[in-house]
Amino acid sequence: MPTREFRYYDLILGAFVAVLLCANLIGPAKIAEVHLPLLGDFKFGAGVLFFPISYFFGDVLTEVYGYARARRVIWSGLAALAFASIMSAVVVALPPAAGWKDQAAYSTIFGQTPRIVLASIMAFFAGEFVNSFVMAKLKVATSGRFLWMRAIGSTMCGEGVDSLVFYPAAFLGVWSTDLVITVMLTNYVAKVLWEVLATPLTYRLVKALKRAENVDHYDRDTRFTPFTLRT
């Protein structure tokens, strides 16, 4: 594939990585609960409010620039997530200065266990690549039609894999099994609903980027291995 410069690719890469870091470092360990009319109490992981944005950007990247360039962004996100996790562990482990009284609070916020870190990385890797793969294959199969179906369908697959990997790997044996299943299922439903609600924005952003970049990539001859950075 010939090398080509794009005006907005780097901006979307940066937005993707920022959302990924914030969603994984701030939200996953907190369980929130709200009361919904007719449905009752609804428990969910706090990160679910923002993590699906990474899948939104993943859909846009694959639709406009193709799987190979989306793959580079996913690896960038994975590297950033790994570095942030290592940095958190090192900073939390550093001995606090005399008179500094916030070590316990700092450890509570940033002291993720290695298990949660590993679960996050595995789930992100599997889910994002499944999402991008399904999106790319469906685009070829539908000749670029039915973007709404492709975006929602790929997210259902990617988020499904992400949830099946992350919650059991991170919390089974720490939370009760019923709570793990409840949070996993409710978060999955919430993530898919988020994608449905974001569909109009997906259409607008995809259309604007295709016009601005003069590109609409189809992955007809792409090598779909995730283990390369070649475009």
Protein backbone atom coordinates (compact mmCIF):
# COMPACT_ATOMS: atom_id res chain seq x y z
CA MET A 1 0.00 0.00 0.00
CA PRO A 2 1.53 3.34 -0.97
CA THR A 3 2.45 5.73 1.83
CA ARG A 4 0.11 8.65 2.09
CA GLU A 5 -0.33 11.58 4.47
CA PHE A 6 -3.77 12.30 5.94
CA ARG A 7 -4.92 15.52 7.56
CA TYR A 8 -7.00 14.09 10.41
CA TYR A 9 -5.69 10.57 10.99
CA ASP A 10 -3.28 11.66 13.74
CA LEU A 11 -6.00 13.66 15.51
CA ILE A 12 -8.29 10.65 15.65
CA LEU A 13 -5.40 8.50 16.86
CA GLY A 14 -4.78 10.97 19.70
CA ALA A 15 -8.47 11.08 20.62
CA PHE A 16 -8.66 7.29 20.60
CA VAL A 17 -5.67 6.92 22.93
CA ALA A 18 -6.93 9.65 25.29
CA VAL A 19 -10.35 8.03 25.64
CA LEU A 20 -8.80 4.60 26.13
CA LEU A 21 -6.47 5.76 28.91
CA CYS A 22 -9.13 7.70 30.77
CA ALA A 23 -11.72 4.94 30.53
CA ASN A 24 -9.33 2.23 31.71
CA LEU A 25 -7.58 4.15 34.49
CA ILE A 26 -10.54 6.03 35.95
CA GLY A 27 -13.65 3.93 35.47
CA PRO A 28 -13.39 0.13 35.47
CA ALA A 29 -13.11 -0.68 39.19
CA LYS A 30 -16.10 1.42 40.31
CA ILE A 31 -19.61 0.01 40.28
CA ALA A 32 -22.33 2.64 40.01
CA GLU A 33 -26.05 2.19 40.48
CA VAL A 34 -28.97 4.29 39.27
CA HIS A 35 -32.70 3.79 39.52
CA LEU A 36 -34.50 3.65 36.19
CA PRO A 37 -38.28 4.05 35.98
CA LEU A 38 -40.00 0.75 35.19
CA LEU A 39 -36.67 -1.11 35.12
CA GLY A 40 -35.61 -0.67 38.74
CA ASP A 41 -32.03 -0.44 40.00
CA PHE A 42 -29.38 -0.62 37.27
CA LYS A 43 -25.80 -1.56 38.21
CA PHE A 44 -22.95 -0.81 35.84
CA GLY A 45 -19.22 -0.23 35.75
CA ALA A 46 -18.55 3.50 35.67
CA GLY A 47 -16.17 3.18 32.74
CA VAL A 48 -19.03 2.10 30.49
CA LEU A 49 -20.07 5.73 30.10
CA PHE A 50 -16.92 6.58 28.17
CA PHE A 51 -15.13 3.41 27.05
CA PRO A 52 -17.48 2.82 24.06
CA ILE A 53 -16.12 6.04 22.53
CA SER A 54 -12.97 4.06 21.70
CA TYR A 55 -15.11 1.66 19.65
CA PHE A 56 -16.77 4.60 17.96
CA PHE A 57 -13.36 5.87 16.86
CA GLY A 58 -12.36 2.34 15.91
CA ASP A 59 -15.36 2.06 13.59
CA VAL A 60 -14.62 5.42 12.00
CA LEU A 61 -10.95 4.58 11.49
CA THR A 62 -11.68 1.24 9.84
CA GLU A 63 -14.48 2.62 7.68
CA VAL A 64 -12.47 5.56 6.37
CA TYR A 65 -8.80 4.52 6.48
CA GLY A 66 -9.05 0.72 6.48
CA TYR A 67 -8.09 -2.11 8.80
CA ALA A 68 -4.31 -1.71 8.43
CA ARG A 69 -4.29 1.90 9.62
CA ALA A 70 -6.80 1.11 12.37
CA ARG A 71 -4.43 -1.67 13.45
CA ARG A 72 -1.64 0.87 13.97
CA VAL A 73 -3.94 2.95 16.17
CA ILE A 74 -4.92 -0.10 18.22
CA TRP A 75 -1.25 -0.92 18.84
CA SER A 76 -0.64 2.72 19.81
CA GLY A 77 -3.46 2.46 22.33
CA LEU A 78 -2.13 -0.83 23.66
CA ALA A 79 1.35 0.64 24.17
CA ALA A 80 -0.09 3.71 25.90
CA LEU A 81 -2.25 1.56 28.17
CA ALA A 82 0.71 -0.65 29.11
CA PHE A 83 2.92 2.39 29.84
CA ALA A 84 0.21 4.08 31.93
CA SER A 85 -0.24 0.89 33.96
CA ILE A 86 3.51 0.57 34.60
CA MET A 87 3.77 4.24 35.51
CA SER A 88 0.85 3.93 37.95
CA ALA A 89 2.48 0.94 39.64
CA VAL A 90 5.84 2.69 39.97
CA VAL A 91 4.40 5.95 41.30
CA VAL A 92 2.17 4.18 43.83
CA ALA A 93 5.12 2.06 45.01
CA LEU A 94 7.41 5.05 45.61
CA PRO A 95 7.72 5.79 49.36
CA PRO A 96 5.75 8.91 50.31
CA ALA A 97 7.52 11.92 51.75
CA ALA A 98 7.26 12.59 55.46
CA GLY A 99 4.14 14.61 56.17
CA TRP A 100 2.33 13.61 52.98
CA LYS A 101 -0.92 12.06 54.18
CA ASP A 102 -2.60 11.05 50.93
CA GLN A 103 -0.79 7.81 50.10
CA ALA A 104 -3.79 5.63 50.97
CA ALA A 105 -6.14 7.68 48.82
CA TYR A 106 -3.63 7.77 45.98
CA SER A 107 -3.18 4.00 46.16
CA THR A 108 -6.93 3.49 46.13
CA ILE A 109 -7.33 5.57 42.97
CA PHE A 110 -4.28 4.52 40.98
CA GLY A 111 -3.16 1.29 42.63
CA GLN A 112 -4.66 -1.12 40.13
CA THR A 113 -3.80 -4.73 40.75
CA PRO A 114 -1.71 -6.56 38.12
CA ARG A 115 -4.77 -8.74 37.50
CA ILE A 116 -6.95 -5.80 36.45
CA VAL A 117 -4.17 -4.38 34.30
CA LEU A 118 -3.63 -7.69 32.53
CA ALA A 119 -7.37 -8.18 32.08
CA SER A 120 -7.72 -4.68 30.60
CA ILE A 121 -4.89 -5.22 28.11
CA MET A 122 -6.14 -8.66 27.02
CA ALA A 123 -9.73 -7.47 26.65
CA PHE A 124 -8.73 -4.35 24.74
CA PHE A 125 -6.48 -6.30 22.36
CA ALA A 126 -9.08 -8.95 21.60
CA GLY A 127 -12.13 -6.68 21.47
CA GLU A 128 -10.68 -3.91 19.32
CA PHE A 129 -9.23 -6.25 16.73
CA VAL A 130 -12.48 -8.21 16.50
CA ASN A 131 -14.38 -4.94 16.08
CA SER A 132 -12.09 -3.70 13.31
CA PHE A 133 -11.98 -7.08 11.54
CA VAL A 134 -15.77 -7.44 11.47
CA MET A 135 -16.20 -3.83 10.35
CA ALA A 136 -13.75 -4.28 7.47
CA LYS A 137 -15.21 -7.60 6.32
CA LEU A 138 -18.79 -6.33 6.44
CA LYS A 139 -17.84 -3.27 4.39
CA VAL A 140 -16.55 -5.47 1.58
CA ALA A 141 -19.49 -7.86 1.86
CA THR A 142 -22.06 -5.05 1.64
CA SER A 143 -20.13 -2.98 -0.94
CA GLY A 144 -20.00 -0.11 1.53
CA ARG A 145 -23.73 0.02 2.23
CA PHE A 146 -25.59 -0.14 5.54
CA LEU A 147 -23.05 1.70 7.67
CA TRP A 148 -25.45 1.63 10.61
CA MET A 149 -25.63 -2.16 10.50
CA ARG A 150 -21.87 -2.54 10.15
CA ALA A 151 -21.06 -0.15 12.98
CA ILE A 152 -23.56 -1.69 15.39
CA GLY A 153 -22.77 -5.27 14.35
CA SER A 154 -19.00 -4.86 14.70
CA THR A 155 -19.45 -3.20 18.09
CA MET A 156 -21.68 -6.03 19.28
CA CYS A 157 -18.95 -8.50 18.37
CA GLY A 158 -16.03 -6.46 19.69
CA GLU A 159 -17.68 -5.35 22.93
CA GLY A 160 -18.96 -8.88 23.47
CA VAL A 161 -15.43 -10.30 23.30
CA ASP A 162 -14.11 -7.42 25.44
CA SER A 163 -16.69 -8.03 28.17
CA LEU A 164 -16.29 -11.82 28.14
CA VAL A 165 -12.54 -11.42 28.62
CA PHE A 166 -12.34 -8.47 31.01
CA TYR A 167 -14.90 -9.04 33.76
CA PRO A 168 -14.20 -12.71 34.55
CA ALA A 169 -10.43 -12.17 34.22
CA ALA A 170 -10.46 -9.06 36.44
CA PHE A 171 -13.11 -9.76 39.07
CA LEU A 172 -14.15 -13.43 39.22
CA GLY A 173 -13.34 -14.58 42.74
CA VAL A 174 -13.11 -10.97 43.96
CA TRP A 175 -16.73 -10.05 43.31
CA SER A 176 -19.49 -12.60 43.66
CA THR A 177 -20.19 -14.58 40.51
CA ASP A 178 -23.69 -13.10 40.30
CA LEU A 179 -22.27 -9.57 40.45
CA VAL A 180 -19.67 -10.32 37.78
CA ILE A 181 -22.35 -11.67 35.45
CA THR A 182 -24.75 -8.81 36.20
CA VAL A 183 -22.18 -6.08 35.61
CA MET A 184 -20.82 -7.84 32.51
CA LEU A 185 -24.26 -8.16 30.90
CA THR A 186 -25.53 -4.71 31.85
CA ASN A 187 -22.31 -3.08 30.66
CA TYR A 188 -22.50 -4.96 27.37
CA VAL A 189 -26.07 -3.82 26.78
CA ALA A 190 -25.16 -0.26 27.70
CA LYS A 191 -22.17 -0.25 25.32
CA VAL A 192 -24.28 -1.52 22.41
CA LEU A 193 -27.01 1.03 23.14
CA TRP A 194 -24.33 3.73 23.20
CA GLU A 195 -23.28 2.70 19.70
CA VAL A 196 -26.89 2.79 18.51
CA LEU A 197 -27.34 6.31 19.87
CA ALA A 198 -24.04 7.41 18.32
CA THR A 199 -25.00 6.19 14.84
CA PRO A 200 -26.02 9.63 13.51
CA LEU A 201 -22.68 11.05 14.69
CA THR A 202 -20.86 8.13 13.07
CA TYR A 203 -22.51 8.94 9.74
CA ARG A 204 -21.63 12.62 9.97
CA LEU A 205 -18.00 12.08 10.95
CA VAL A 206 -17.42 9.33 8.38
CA LYS A 207 -18.92 11.44 5.60
CA ALA A 208 -16.88 14.50 6.57
CA LEU A 209 -13.63 12.55 6.81
CA LYS A 210 -14.11 10.74 3.49
CA ARG A 211 -14.71 14.06 1.80
CA ALA A 212 -11.84 15.87 3.53
CA GLU A 213 -9.32 13.05 3.09
CA ASN A 214 -10.56 11.93 -0.33
CA VAL A 215 -10.40 8.30 0.77
CA ASP A 216 -12.84 5.42 1.24
CA HIS A 217 -10.78 2.29 1.83
CA TYR A 218 -11.97 -1.27 1.13
CA ASP A 219 -9.98 -4.11 2.69
CA ARG A 220 -10.13 -6.50 -0.25
CA ASP A 221 -6.44 -7.49 -0.21
CA THR A 222 -5.57 -6.77 3.41
CA ARG A 223 -3.59 -9.16 5.62
CA PHE A 224 -5.73 -9.30 8.74
CA THR A 225 -3.08 -10.52 11.16
CA PRO A 226 -2.96 -8.17 14.15
CA PHE A 227 0.77 -8.80 14.62
CA THR A 228 2.20 -6.23 12.24
CA LEU A 229 2.33 -2.47 11.91
CA ARG A 230 2.61 -2.40 8.12
CA THR A 231 -0.01 -0.44 6.19
